[in-house]
Amino acid sequence: MTTLRSLAQVIRSKNAGIHYVTIDIMFDSPATYQAVKESGALTTAVFADAYELSESDVRFFEYDPGLAFKVTIPRTQSAGSPGDSDIYGAQQYAPVLDIEVPI
């Protein structure tokens, strides 16, 4: 087992409008991307669990030409609203870093 952070070239998050955050997981090697994809470690259920959401709230995409996965989740607070601690959504990727990948 290894962690996603040790395999991905880039893991980042950002706003996807004021009500959603998108998380990008990108690889620099087609072989590594394919191994992660085939491992089954990244699923809607895994991200729902990591962010304490229902699976129906998670949008999960595989983007083969870009060697990337994209996940869109609802924000707990609208961007810029009172109580929002991350107006740009740039700090929301942390729960993804230690996802274990069996490769």
PDB file of N, CA and C in Angstrom:
ATOM      1  N   MET A   1       0.842  -1.191   0.000  1.00  0.00           N
ATOM      2  CA  MET A   1       0.000   0.000   0.000  1.00  0.00           C
ATOM      3  C   MET A   1       0.876   1.239   0.000  1.00  0.00           C
ATOM      4  N   THR A   2       0.382   2.238  -0.662  1.00  0.00           N
ATOM      5  CA  THR A   2       1.038   3.539  -0.642  1.00  0.00           C
ATOM      6  C   THR A   2      -0.047   4.611  -0.617  1.00  0.00           C
ATOM      7  N   THR A   3       0.315   5.820  -0.279  1.00  0.00           N
ATOM      8  CA  THR A   3      -0.680   6.887  -0.205  1.00  0.00           C
ATOM      9  C   THR A   3      -0.784   7.620  -1.538  1.00  0.00           C
ATOM     10  N   LEU A   4      -1.930   8.204  -1.737  1.00  0.00           N
ATOM     11  CA  LEU A   4      -2.165   8.951  -2.971  1.00  0.00           C
ATOM     12  C   LEU A   4      -1.153  10.084  -3.128  1.00  0.00           C
ATOM     13  N   ARG A   5      -0.793  10.728  -2.018  1.00  0.00           N
ATOM     14  CA  ARG A   5       0.151  11.846  -2.090  1.00  0.00           C
ATOM     15  C   ARG A   5       1.510  11.420  -2.635  1.00  0.00           C
ATOM     16  N   SER A   6       1.894  10.170  -2.440  1.00  0.00           N
ATOM     17  CA  SER A   6       3.195   9.717  -2.930  1.00  0.00           C
ATOM     18  C   SER A   6       3.151   9.318  -4.404  1.00  0.00           C
ATOM     19  N   LEU A   7       1.976   9.203  -4.973  1.00  0.00           N
ATOM     20  CA  LEU A   7       1.835   8.795  -6.371  1.00  0.00           C
ATOM     21  C   LEU A   7       1.482   9.941  -7.312  1.00  0.00           C
ATOM     22  N   ALA A   8       0.672  10.872  -6.844  1.00  0.00           N
ATOM     23  CA  ALA A   8       0.180  11.952  -7.704  1.00  0.00           C
ATOM     24  C   ALA A   8       1.208  13.074  -7.828  1.00  0.00           C
ATOM     25  N   GLN A   9       1.271  13.656  -8.989  1.00  0.00           N
ATOM     26  CA  GLN A   9       2.128  14.820  -9.216  1.00  0.00           C
ATOM     27  C   GLN A   9       1.497  16.072  -8.597  1.00  0.00           C
ATOM     28  N   VAL A  10       0.177  16.180  -8.736  1.00  0.00           N
ATOM     29  CA  VAL A  10      -0.556  17.342  -8.216  1.00  0.00           C
ATOM     30  C   VAL A  10      -1.844  16.872  -7.554  1.00  0.00           C
ATOM     31  N   ILE A  11      -2.101  17.370  -6.360  1.00  0.00           N
ATOM     32  CA  ILE A  11      -3.401  17.222  -5.703  1.00  0.00           C
ATOM     33  C   ILE A  11      -3.766  18.620  -5.239  1.00  0.00           C
ATOM     34  N   ARG A  12      -4.872  19.140  -5.763  1.00  0.00           N
ATOM     35  CA  ARG A  12      -5.254  20.512  -5.420  1.00  0.00           C
ATOM     36  C   ARG A  12      -6.770  20.625  -5.360  1.00  0.00           C
ATOM     37  N   SER A  13      -7.210  21.686  -4.731  1.00  0.00           N
ATOM     38  CA  SER A  13      -8.637  21.972  -4.692  1.00  0.00           C
ATOM     39  C   SER A  13      -8.844  23.444  -4.996  1.00  0.00           C
ATOM     40  N   LYS A  14     -10.045  23.736  -5.477  1.00  0.00           N
ATOM     41  CA  LYS A  14     -10.395  25.125  -5.800  1.00  0.00           C
ATOM     42  C   LYS A  14     -11.906  25.237  -5.902  1.00  0.00           C
ATOM     43  N   ASN A  15     -12.380  26.458  -5.863  1.00  0.00           N
ATOM     44  CA  ASN A  15     -13.808  26.693  -5.999  1.00  0.00           C
ATOM     45  C   ASN A  15     -14.303  26.221  -7.358  1.00  0.00           C
ATOM     46  N   ALA A  16     -15.511  25.731  -7.357  1.00  0.00           N
ATOM     47  CA  ALA A  16     -16.235  25.419  -8.593  1.00  0.00           C
ATOM     48  C   ALA A  16     -17.574  26.137  -8.453  1.00  0.00           C
ATOM     49  N   GLY A  17     -17.510  27.451  -8.429  1.00  0.00           N
ATOM     50  CA  GLY A  17     -18.668  28.263  -8.111  1.00  0.00           C
ATOM     51  C   GLY A  17     -18.695  28.504  -6.610  1.00  0.00           C
ATOM     52  N   ILE A  18     -19.714  29.187  -6.131  1.00  0.00           N
ATOM     53  CA  ILE A  18     -19.734  29.520  -4.704  1.00  0.00           C
ATOM     54  C   ILE A  18     -20.239  28.389  -3.820  1.00  0.00           C
ATOM     55  N   HIS A  19     -20.826  27.365  -4.427  1.00  0.00           N
ATOM     56  CA  HIS A  19     -21.410  26.288  -3.639  1.00  0.00           C
ATOM     57  C   HIS A  19     -20.672  24.956  -3.729  1.00  0.00           C
ATOM     58  N   TYR A  20     -19.631  24.889  -4.554  1.00  0.00           N
ATOM     59  CA  TYR A  20     -18.917  23.621  -4.757  1.00  0.00           C
ATOM     60  C   TYR A  20     -17.412  23.829  -4.732  1.00  0.00           C
ATOM     61  N   VAL A  21     -16.722  22.747  -4.413  1.00  0.00           N
ATOM     62  CA  VAL A  21     -15.260  22.690  -4.484  1.00  0.00           C
ATOM     63  C   VAL A  21     -14.919  21.535  -5.412  1.00  0.00           C
ATOM     64  N   THR A  22     -13.908  21.720  -6.234  1.00  0.00           N
ATOM     65  CA  THR A  22     -13.436  20.634  -7.070  1.00  0.00           C
ATOM     66  C   THR A  22     -12.022  20.251  -6.646  1.00  0.00           C
ATOM     67  N   ILE A  23     -11.752  18.976  -6.661  1.00  0.00           N
ATOM     68  CA  ILE A  23     -10.443  18.449  -6.291  1.00  0.00           C
ATOM     69  C   ILE A  23      -9.865  17.782  -7.521  1.00  0.00           C
ATOM     70  N   ASP A  24      -8.658  18.176  -7.885  1.00  0.00           N
ATOM     71  CA  ASP A  24      -7.961  17.602  -9.032  1.00  0.00           C
ATOM     72  C   ASP A  24      -6.820  16.734  -8.532  1.00  0.00           C
ATOM     73  N   ILE A  25      -6.715  15.548  -9.106  1.00  0.00           N
ATOM     74  CA  ILE A  25      -5.624  14.623  -8.783  1.00  0.00           C
ATOM     75  C   ILE A  25      -4.978  14.262 -10.109  1.00  0.00           C
ATOM     76  N   MET A  26      -3.733  14.716 -10.310  1.00  0.00           N
ATOM     77  CA  MET A  26      -3.080  14.567 -11.606  1.00  0.00           C
ATOM     78  C   MET A  26      -1.771  13.798 -11.489  1.00  0.00           C
ATOM     79  N   PHE A  27      -1.467  13.048 -12.524  1.00  0.00           N
ATOM     80  CA  PHE A  27      -0.286  12.203 -12.555  1.00  0.00           C
ATOM     81  C   PHE A  27       0.617  12.595 -13.717  1.00  0.00           C
ATOM     82  N   ASP A  28       1.913  12.369 -13.562  1.00  0.00           N
ATOM     83  CA  ASP A  28       2.835  12.675 -14.654  1.00  0.00           C
ATOM     84  C   ASP A  28       3.221  11.431 -15.447  1.00  0.00           C
ATOM     85  N   SER A  29       2.735  10.279 -15.003  1.00  0.00           N
ATOM     86  CA  SER A  29       3.069   9.015 -15.660  1.00  0.00           C
ATOM     87  C   SER A  29       1.790   8.275 -16.054  1.00  0.00           C
ATOM     88  N   PRO A  30       1.650   7.940 -17.329  1.00  0.00           N
ATOM     89  CA  PRO A  30       0.478   7.153 -17.719  1.00  0.00           C
ATOM     90  C   PRO A  30       0.386   5.818 -16.969  1.00  0.00           C
ATOM     91  N   ALA A  31       1.527   5.203 -16.699  1.00  0.00           N
ATOM     92  CA  ALA A  31       1.522   3.916 -15.995  1.00  0.00           C
ATOM     93  C   ALA A  31       1.001   4.066 -14.563  1.00  0.00           C
ATOM     94  N   THR A  32       1.418   5.120 -13.881  1.00  0.00           N
ATOM     95  CA  THR A  32       0.954   5.341 -12.509  1.00  0.00           C
ATOM     96  C   THR A  32      -0.534   5.672 -12.494  1.00  0.00           C
ATOM     97  N   TYR A  33      -0.963   6.543 -13.394  1.00  0.00           N
ATOM     98  CA  TYR A  33      -2.387   6.886 -13.491  1.00  0.00           C
ATOM     99  C   TYR A  33      -3.216   5.619 -13.716  1.00  0.00           C
ATOM    100  N   GLN A  34      -2.792   4.802 -14.652  1.00  0.00           N
ATOM    101  CA  GLN A  34      -3.539   3.586 -14.981  1.00  0.00           C
ATOM    102  C   GLN A  34      -3.557   2.613 -13.801  1.00  0.00           C
ATOM    103  N   ALA A  35      -2.441   2.503 -13.097  1.00  0.00           N
ATOM    104  CA  ALA A  35      -2.377   1.611 -11.933  1.00  0.00           C
ATOM    105  C   ALA A  35      -3.331   2.073 -10.841  1.00  0.00           C
ATOM    106  N   VAL A  36      -3.371   3.381 -10.592  1.00  0.00           N
ATOM    107  CA  VAL A  36      -4.298   3.921  -9.585  1.00  0.00           C
ATOM    108  C   VAL A  36      -5.740   3.692 -10.035  1.00  0.00           C
ATOM    109  N   LYS A  37      -6.011   3.954 -11.294  1.00  0.00           N
ATOM    110  CA  LYS A  37      -7.362   3.759 -11.823  1.00  0.00           C
ATOM    111  C   LYS A  37      -7.799   2.304 -11.673  1.00  0.00           C
ATOM    112  N   GLU A  38      -6.929   1.390 -12.036  1.00  0.00           N
ATOM    113  CA  GLU A  38      -7.265  -0.029 -11.986  1.00  0.00           C
ATOM    114  C   GLU A  38      -7.315  -0.583 -10.559  1.00  0.00           C
ATOM    115  N   SER A  39      -6.686   0.116  -9.622  1.00  0.00           N
ATOM    116  CA  SER A  39      -6.670  -0.361  -8.236  1.00  0.00           C
ATOM    117  C   SER A  39      -8.043  -0.288  -7.576  1.00  0.00           C
ATOM    118  N   GLY A  40      -8.899   0.596  -8.071  1.00  0.00           N
ATOM    119  CA  GLY A  40     -10.212   0.777  -7.470  1.00  0.00           C
ATOM    120  C   GLY A  40     -10.193   1.583  -6.183  1.00  0.00           C
ATOM    121  N   ALA A  41      -9.049   2.206  -5.890  1.00  0.00           N
ATOM    122  CA  ALA A  41      -8.912   2.969  -4.643  1.00  0.00           C
ATOM    123  C   ALA A  41      -9.673   4.284  -4.664  1.00  0.00           C
ATOM    124  N   LEU A  42      -9.920   4.817  -5.844  1.00  0.00           N
ATOM    125  CA  LEU A  42     -10.623   6.102  -5.952  1.00  0.00           C
ATOM    126  C   LEU A  42     -12.017   5.854  -6.507  1.00  0.00           C
ATOM    127  N   THR A  43     -12.992   6.063  -5.647  1.00  0.00           N
ATOM    128  CA  THR A  43     -14.397   5.872  -6.024  1.00  0.00           C
ATOM    129  C   THR A  43     -15.241   6.966  -5.381  1.00  0.00           C
ATOM    130  N   THR A  44     -16.443   7.070  -5.837  1.00  0.00           N
ATOM    131  CA  THR A  44     -17.385   8.006  -5.223  1.00  0.00           C
ATOM    132  C   THR A  44     -17.523   7.720  -3.733  1.00  0.00           C
ATOM    133  N   ALA A  45     -17.590   6.449  -3.376  1.00  0.00           N
ATOM    134  CA  ALA A  45     -17.758   6.070  -1.972  1.00  0.00           C
ATOM    135  C   ALA A  45     -16.561   6.503  -1.125  1.00  0.00           C
ATOM    136  N   VAL A  46     -15.365   6.375  -1.653  1.00  0.00           N
ATOM    137  CA  VAL A  46     -14.158   6.772  -0.912  1.00  0.00           C
ATOM    138  C   VAL A  46     -14.184   8.272  -0.622  1.00  0.00           C
ATOM    139  N   PHE A  47     -14.539   9.070  -1.611  1.00  0.00           N
ATOM    140  CA  PHE A  47     -14.583  10.519  -1.414  1.00  0.00           C
ATOM    141  C   PHE A  47     -15.747  10.926  -0.518  1.00  0.00           C
ATOM    142  N   ALA A  48     -16.875  10.254  -0.642  1.00  0.00           N
ATOM    143  CA  ALA A  48     -18.005  10.540   0.247  1.00  0.00           C
ATOM    144  C   ALA A  48     -17.602  10.285   1.695  1.00  0.00           C
ATOM    145  N   ASP A  49     -16.894   9.200   1.931  1.00  0.00           N
ATOM    146  CA  ASP A  49     -16.432   8.878   3.280  1.00  0.00           C
ATOM    147  C   ASP A  49     -15.416   9.910   3.780  1.00  0.00           C
ATOM    148  N   ALA A  50     -14.478  10.280   2.934  1.00  0.00           N
ATOM    149  CA  ALA A  50     -13.430  11.238   3.324  1.00  0.00           C
ATOM    150  C   ALA A  50     -14.002  12.592   3.714  1.00  0.00           C
ATOM    151  N   TYR A  51     -15.088  12.990   3.070  1.00  0.00           N
ATOM    152  CA  TYR A  51     -15.669  14.313   3.324  1.00  0.00           C
ATOM    153  C   TYR A  51     -16.992  14.241   4.092  1.00  0.00           C
ATOM    154  N   GLU A  52     -17.336  13.055   4.580  1.00  0.00           N
ATOM    155  CA  GLU A  52     -18.563  12.850   5.355  1.00  0.00           C
ATOM    156  C   GLU A  52     -19.795  13.345   4.602  1.00  0.00           C
ATOM    157  N   LEU A  53     -19.910  12.872   3.365  1.00  0.00           N
ATOM    158  CA  LEU A  53     -21.028  13.224   2.495  1.00  0.00           C
ATOM    159  C   LEU A  53     -21.737  11.958   2.049  1.00  0.00           C
ATOM    160  N   SER A  54     -22.906  12.118   1.499  1.00  0.00           N
ATOM    161  CA  SER A  54     -23.559  10.967   0.870  1.00  0.00           C
ATOM    162  C   SER A  54     -22.959  10.817  -0.532  1.00  0.00           C
ATOM    163  N   GLU A  55     -22.984   9.609  -1.033  1.00  0.00           N
ATOM    164  CA  GLU A  55     -22.424   9.370  -2.371  1.00  0.00           C
ATOM    165  C   GLU A  55     -23.125  10.203  -3.433  1.00  0.00           C
ATOM    166  N   SER A  56     -24.392  10.482  -3.232  1.00  0.00           N
ATOM    167  CA  SER A  56     -25.133  11.264  -4.232  1.00  0.00           C
ATOM    168  C   SER A  56     -24.657  12.716  -4.307  1.00  0.00           C
ATOM    169  N   ASP A  57     -23.916  13.168  -3.297  1.00  0.00           N
ATOM    170  CA  ASP A  57     -23.380  14.534  -3.302  1.00  0.00           C
ATOM    171  C   ASP A  57     -22.026  14.642  -4.001  1.00  0.00           C
ATOM    172  N   VAL A  58     -21.431  13.511  -4.355  1.00  0.00           N
ATOM    173  CA  VAL A  58     -20.082  13.492  -4.919  1.00  0.00           C
ATOM    174  C   VAL A  58     -20.154  13.242  -6.422  1.00  0.00           C
ATOM    175  N   ARG A  59     -19.479  14.082  -7.172  1.00  0.00           N
ATOM    176  CA  ARG A  59     -19.336  13.869  -8.621  1.00  0.00           C
ATOM    177  C   ARG A  59     -17.880  13.487  -8.868  1.00  0.00           C
ATOM    178  N   PHE A  60     -17.680  12.317  -9.441  1.00  0.00           N
ATOM    179  CA  PHE A  60     -16.338  11.770  -9.632  1.00  0.00           C
ATOM    180  C   PHE A  60     -16.116  11.497 -11.119  1.00  0.00           C
ATOM    181  N   PHE A  61     -14.999  12.014 -11.648  1.00  0.00           N
ATOM    182  CA  PHE A  61     -14.692  11.866 -13.064  1.00  0.00           C
ATOM    183  C   PHE A  61     -13.275  11.341 -13.262  1.00  0.00           C
ATOM    184  N   GLU A  62     -13.108  10.467 -14.218  1.00  0.00           N
ATOM    185  CA  GLU A  62     -11.790  10.026 -14.671  1.00  0.00           C
ATOM    186  C   GLU A  62     -11.538  10.727 -16.006  1.00  0.00           C
ATOM    187  N   TYR A  63     -10.388  11.369 -16.141  1.00  0.00           N
ATOM    188  CA  TYR A  63     -10.062  12.071 -17.383  1.00  0.00           C
ATOM    189  C   TYR A  63      -8.771  11.486 -17.944  1.00  0.00           C
ATOM    190  N   ASP A  64      -8.924  10.422 -18.720  1.00  0.00           N
ATOM    191  CA  ASP A  64      -7.776   9.686 -19.237  1.00  0.00           C
ATOM    192  C   ASP A  64      -6.790  10.538 -20.049  1.00  0.00           C
ATOM    193  N   PRO A  65      -7.270  11.421 -20.960  1.00  0.00           N
ATOM    194  CA  PRO A  65      -6.292  12.202 -21.742  1.00  0.00           C
ATOM    195  C   PRO A  65      -5.400  13.097 -20.871  1.00  0.00           C
ATOM    196  N   GLY A  66      -5.916  13.526 -19.714  1.00  0.00           N
ATOM    197  CA  GLY A  66      -5.152  14.396 -18.821  1.00  0.00           C
ATOM    198  C   GLY A  66      -4.484  13.660 -17.671  1.00  0.00           C
ATOM    199  N   LEU A  67      -4.594  12.323 -17.666  1.00  0.00           N
ATOM    200  CA  LEU A  67      -4.034  11.516 -16.571  1.00  0.00           C
ATOM    201  C   LEU A  67      -4.513  12.054 -15.225  1.00  0.00           C
ATOM    202  N   ALA A  68      -5.817  12.270 -15.126  1.00  0.00           N
ATOM    203  CA  ALA A  68      -6.347  12.962 -13.951  1.00  0.00           C
ATOM    204  C   ALA A  68      -7.705  12.411 -13.506  1.00  0.00           C
ATOM    205  N   PHE A  69      -7.963  12.630 -12.229  1.00  0.00           N
ATOM    206  CA  PHE A  69      -9.273  12.406 -11.637  1.00  0.00           C
ATOM    207  C   PHE A  69      -9.775  13.752 -11.150  1.00  0.00           C
ATOM    208  N   LYS A  70     -11.063  13.952 -11.215  1.00  0.00           N
ATOM    209  CA  LYS A  70     -11.672  15.195 -10.730  1.00  0.00           C
ATOM    210  C   LYS A  70     -12.856  14.812  -9.864  1.00  0.00           C
ATOM    211  N   VAL A  71     -12.956  15.478  -8.726  1.00  0.00           N
ATOM    212  CA  VAL A  71     -14.043  15.235  -7.781  1.00  0.00           C
ATOM    213  C   VAL A  71     -14.668  16.581  -7.449  1.00  0.00           C
ATOM    214  N   THR A  72     -15.974  16.663  -7.533  1.00  0.00           N
ATOM    215  CA  THR A  72     -16.668  17.889  -7.151  1.00  0.00           C
ATOM    216  C   THR A  72     -17.608  17.564  -5.998  1.00  0.00           C
ATOM    217  N   ILE A  73     -17.489  18.382  -4.949  1.00  0.00           N
ATOM    218  CA  ILE A  73     -18.299  18.179  -3.749  1.00  0.00           C
ATOM    219  C   ILE A  73     -18.931  19.514  -3.329  1.00  0.00           C
ATOM    220  N   PRO A  74     -20.036  19.459  -2.614  1.00  0.00           N
ATOM    221  CA  PRO A  74     -20.635  20.706  -2.123  1.00  0.00           C
ATOM    222  C   PRO A  74     -19.802  21.300  -0.984  1.00  0.00           C
ATOM    223  N   ARG A  75     -19.748  22.605  -0.938  1.00  0.00           N
ATOM    224  CA  ARG A  75     -19.087  23.301   0.170  1.00  0.00           C
ATOM    225  C   ARG A  75     -19.993  23.252   1.398  1.00  0.00           C
ATOM    226  N   THR A  76     -19.388  23.273   2.571  1.00  0.00           N
ATOM    227  CA  THR A  76     -20.191  23.330   3.793  1.00  0.00           C
ATOM    228  C   THR A  76     -20.732  24.738   4.024  1.00  0.00           C
ATOM    229  N   GLN A  77     -20.030  25.737   3.491  1.00  0.00           N
ATOM    230  CA  GLN A  77     -20.452  27.144   3.549  1.00  0.00           C
ATOM    231  C   GLN A  77     -20.292  27.730   2.151  1.00  0.00           C
ATOM    232  N   SER A  78     -21.170  28.605   1.738  1.00  0.00           N
ATOM    233  CA  SER A  78     -20.976  29.295   0.460  1.00  0.00           C
ATOM    234  C   SER A  78     -19.696  30.108   0.524  1.00  0.00           C
ATOM    235  N   ALA A  79     -18.963  30.160  -0.564  1.00  0.00           N
ATOM    236  CA  ALA A  79     -17.704  30.912  -0.606  1.00  0.00           C
ATOM    237  C   ALA A  79     -17.950  32.369  -0.228  1.00  0.00           C
ATOM    238  N   GLY A  80     -17.194  32.851   0.741  1.00  0.00           N
ATOM    239  CA  GLY A  80     -17.279  34.244   1.158  1.00  0.00           C
ATOM    240  C   GLY A  80     -18.362  34.545   2.166  1.00  0.00           C
ATOM    241  N   SER A  81     -19.139  33.548   2.534  1.00  0.00           N
ATOM    242  CA  SER A  81     -20.200  33.802   3.509  1.00  0.00           C
ATOM    243  C   SER A  81     -19.615  33.816   4.922  1.00  0.00           C
ATOM    244  N   PRO A  82     -20.336  34.399   5.874  1.00  0.00           N
ATOM    245  CA  PRO A  82     -19.845  34.365   7.254  1.00  0.00           C
ATOM    246  C   PRO A  82     -19.602  32.916   7.695  1.00  0.00           C
ATOM    247  N   GLY A  83     -18.471  32.679   8.285  1.00  0.00           N
ATOM    248  CA  GLY A  83     -18.122  31.335   8.718  1.00  0.00           C
ATOM    249  C   GLY A  83     -17.287  30.552   7.723  1.00  0.00           C
ATOM    250  N   ASP A  84     -17.144  31.070   6.508  1.00  0.00           N
ATOM    251  CA  ASP A  84     -16.311  30.401   5.501  1.00  0.00           C
ATOM    252  C   ASP A  84     -14.845  30.610   5.852  1.00  0.00           C
ATOM    253  N   SER A  85     -14.133  29.513   6.064  1.00  0.00           N
ATOM    254  CA  SER A  85     -12.719  29.618   6.455  1.00  0.00           C
ATOM    255  C   SER A  85     -11.754  29.439   5.290  1.00  0.00           C
ATOM    256  N   ASP A  86     -12.264  29.217   4.090  1.00  0.00           N
ATOM    257  CA  ASP A  86     -11.412  28.993   2.922  1.00  0.00           C
ATOM    258  C   ASP A  86     -12.120  29.530   1.684  1.00  0.00           C
ATOM    259  N   ILE A  87     -12.084  30.821   1.515  1.00  0.00           N
ATOM    260  CA  ILE A  87     -12.858  31.486   0.466  1.00  0.00           C
ATOM    261  C   ILE A  87     -12.557  30.963  -0.937  1.00  0.00           C
ATOM    262  N   TYR A  88     -11.333  30.512  -1.194  1.00  0.00           N
ATOM    263  CA  TYR A  88     -10.960  30.029  -2.519  1.00  0.00           C
ATOM    264  C   TYR A  88     -11.092  28.515  -2.668  1.00  0.00           C
ATOM    265  N   GLY A  89     -11.374  27.830  -1.587  1.00  0.00           N
ATOM    266  CA  GLY A  89     -11.474  26.371  -1.640  1.00  0.00           C
ATOM    267  C   GLY A  89     -10.134  25.683  -1.810  1.00  0.00           C
ATOM    268  N   ALA A  90      -9.056  26.418  -1.629  1.00  0.00           N
ATOM    269  CA  ALA A  90      -7.713  25.914  -1.922  1.00  0.00           C
ATOM    270  C   ALA A  90      -7.145  24.985  -0.857  1.00  0.00           C
ATOM    271  N   GLN A  91      -7.808  24.843   0.277  1.00  0.00           N
ATOM    272  CA  GLN A  91      -7.283  24.011   1.363  1.00  0.00           C
ATOM    273  C   GLN A  91      -8.130  22.754   1.584  1.00  0.00           C
ATOM    274  N   GLN A  92      -9.016  22.472   0.668  1.00  0.00           N
ATOM    275  CA  GLN A  92      -9.969  21.381   0.885  1.00  0.00           C
ATOM    276  C   GLN A  92      -9.489  20.011   0.404  1.00  0.00           C
ATOM    277  N   TYR A  93      -8.293  19.931  -0.114  1.00  0.00           N
ATOM    278  CA  TYR A  93      -7.768  18.670  -0.636  1.00  0.00           C
ATOM    279  C   TYR A  93      -7.163  17.769   0.444  1.00  0.00           C
ATOM    280  N   ALA A  94      -6.940  18.273   1.642  1.00  0.00           N
ATOM    281  CA  ALA A  94      -6.211  17.538   2.680  1.00  0.00           C
ATOM    282  C   ALA A  94      -6.749  16.125   2.951  1.00  0.00           C
ATOM    283  N   PRO A  95      -8.060  15.897   3.028  1.00  0.00           N
ATOM    284  CA  PRO A  95      -8.527  14.531   3.305  1.00  0.00           C
ATOM    285  C   PRO A  95      -8.160  13.502   2.223  1.00  0.00           C
ATOM    286  N   VAL A  96      -7.769  13.968   1.058  1.00  0.00           N
ATOM    287  CA  VAL A  96      -7.443  13.076  -0.052  1.00  0.00           C
ATOM    288  C   VAL A  96      -6.000  12.562   0.028  1.00  0.00           C
ATOM    289  N   LEU A  97      -5.140  13.302   0.672  1.00  0.00           N
ATOM    290  CA  LEU A  97      -3.703  13.004   0.652  1.00  0.00           C
ATOM    291  C   LEU A  97      -3.357  11.602   1.121  1.00  0.00           C
ATOM    292  N   ASP A  98      -4.008  11.120   2.139  1.00  0.00           N
ATOM    293  CA  ASP A  98      -3.637   9.837   2.735  1.00  0.00           C
ATOM    294  C   ASP A  98      -4.530   8.670   2.332  1.00  0.00           C
ATOM    295  N   ILE A  99      -5.288   8.847   1.248  1.00  0.00           N
ATOM    296  CA  ILE A  99      -6.052   7.703   0.722  1.00  0.00           C
ATOM    297  C   ILE A  99      -5.043   6.622   0.334  1.00  0.00           C
ATOM    298  N   GLU A 100      -5.288   5.418   0.793  1.00  0.00           N
ATOM    299  CA  GLU A 100      -4.370   4.320   0.505  1.00  0.00           C
ATOM    300  C   GLU A 100      -4.702   3.686  -0.848  1.00  0.00           C
ATOM    301  N   VAL A 101      -3.637   3.451  -1.606  1.00  0.00           N
ATOM    302  CA  VAL A 101      -3.759   2.859  -2.936  1.00  0.00           C
ATOM    303  C   VAL A 101      -2.986   1.534  -2.936  1.00  0.00           C
ATOM    304  N   PRO A 102      -3.630   0.427  -3.246  1.00  0.00           N
ATOM    305  CA  PRO A 102      -2.964  -0.878  -3.193  1.00  0.00           C
ATOM    306  C   PRO A 102      -2.152  -1.204  -4.444  1.00  0.00           C
ATOM    307  N   ILE A 103      -1.075  -0.449  -4.635  1.00  0.00           N
ATOM    308  CA  ILE A 103      -0.174  -0.780  -5.758  1.00  0.00           C
ATOM    309  C   ILE A 103       1.252  -0.808  -5.260  1.00  0.00           C
TER     310      ILE A 103
END
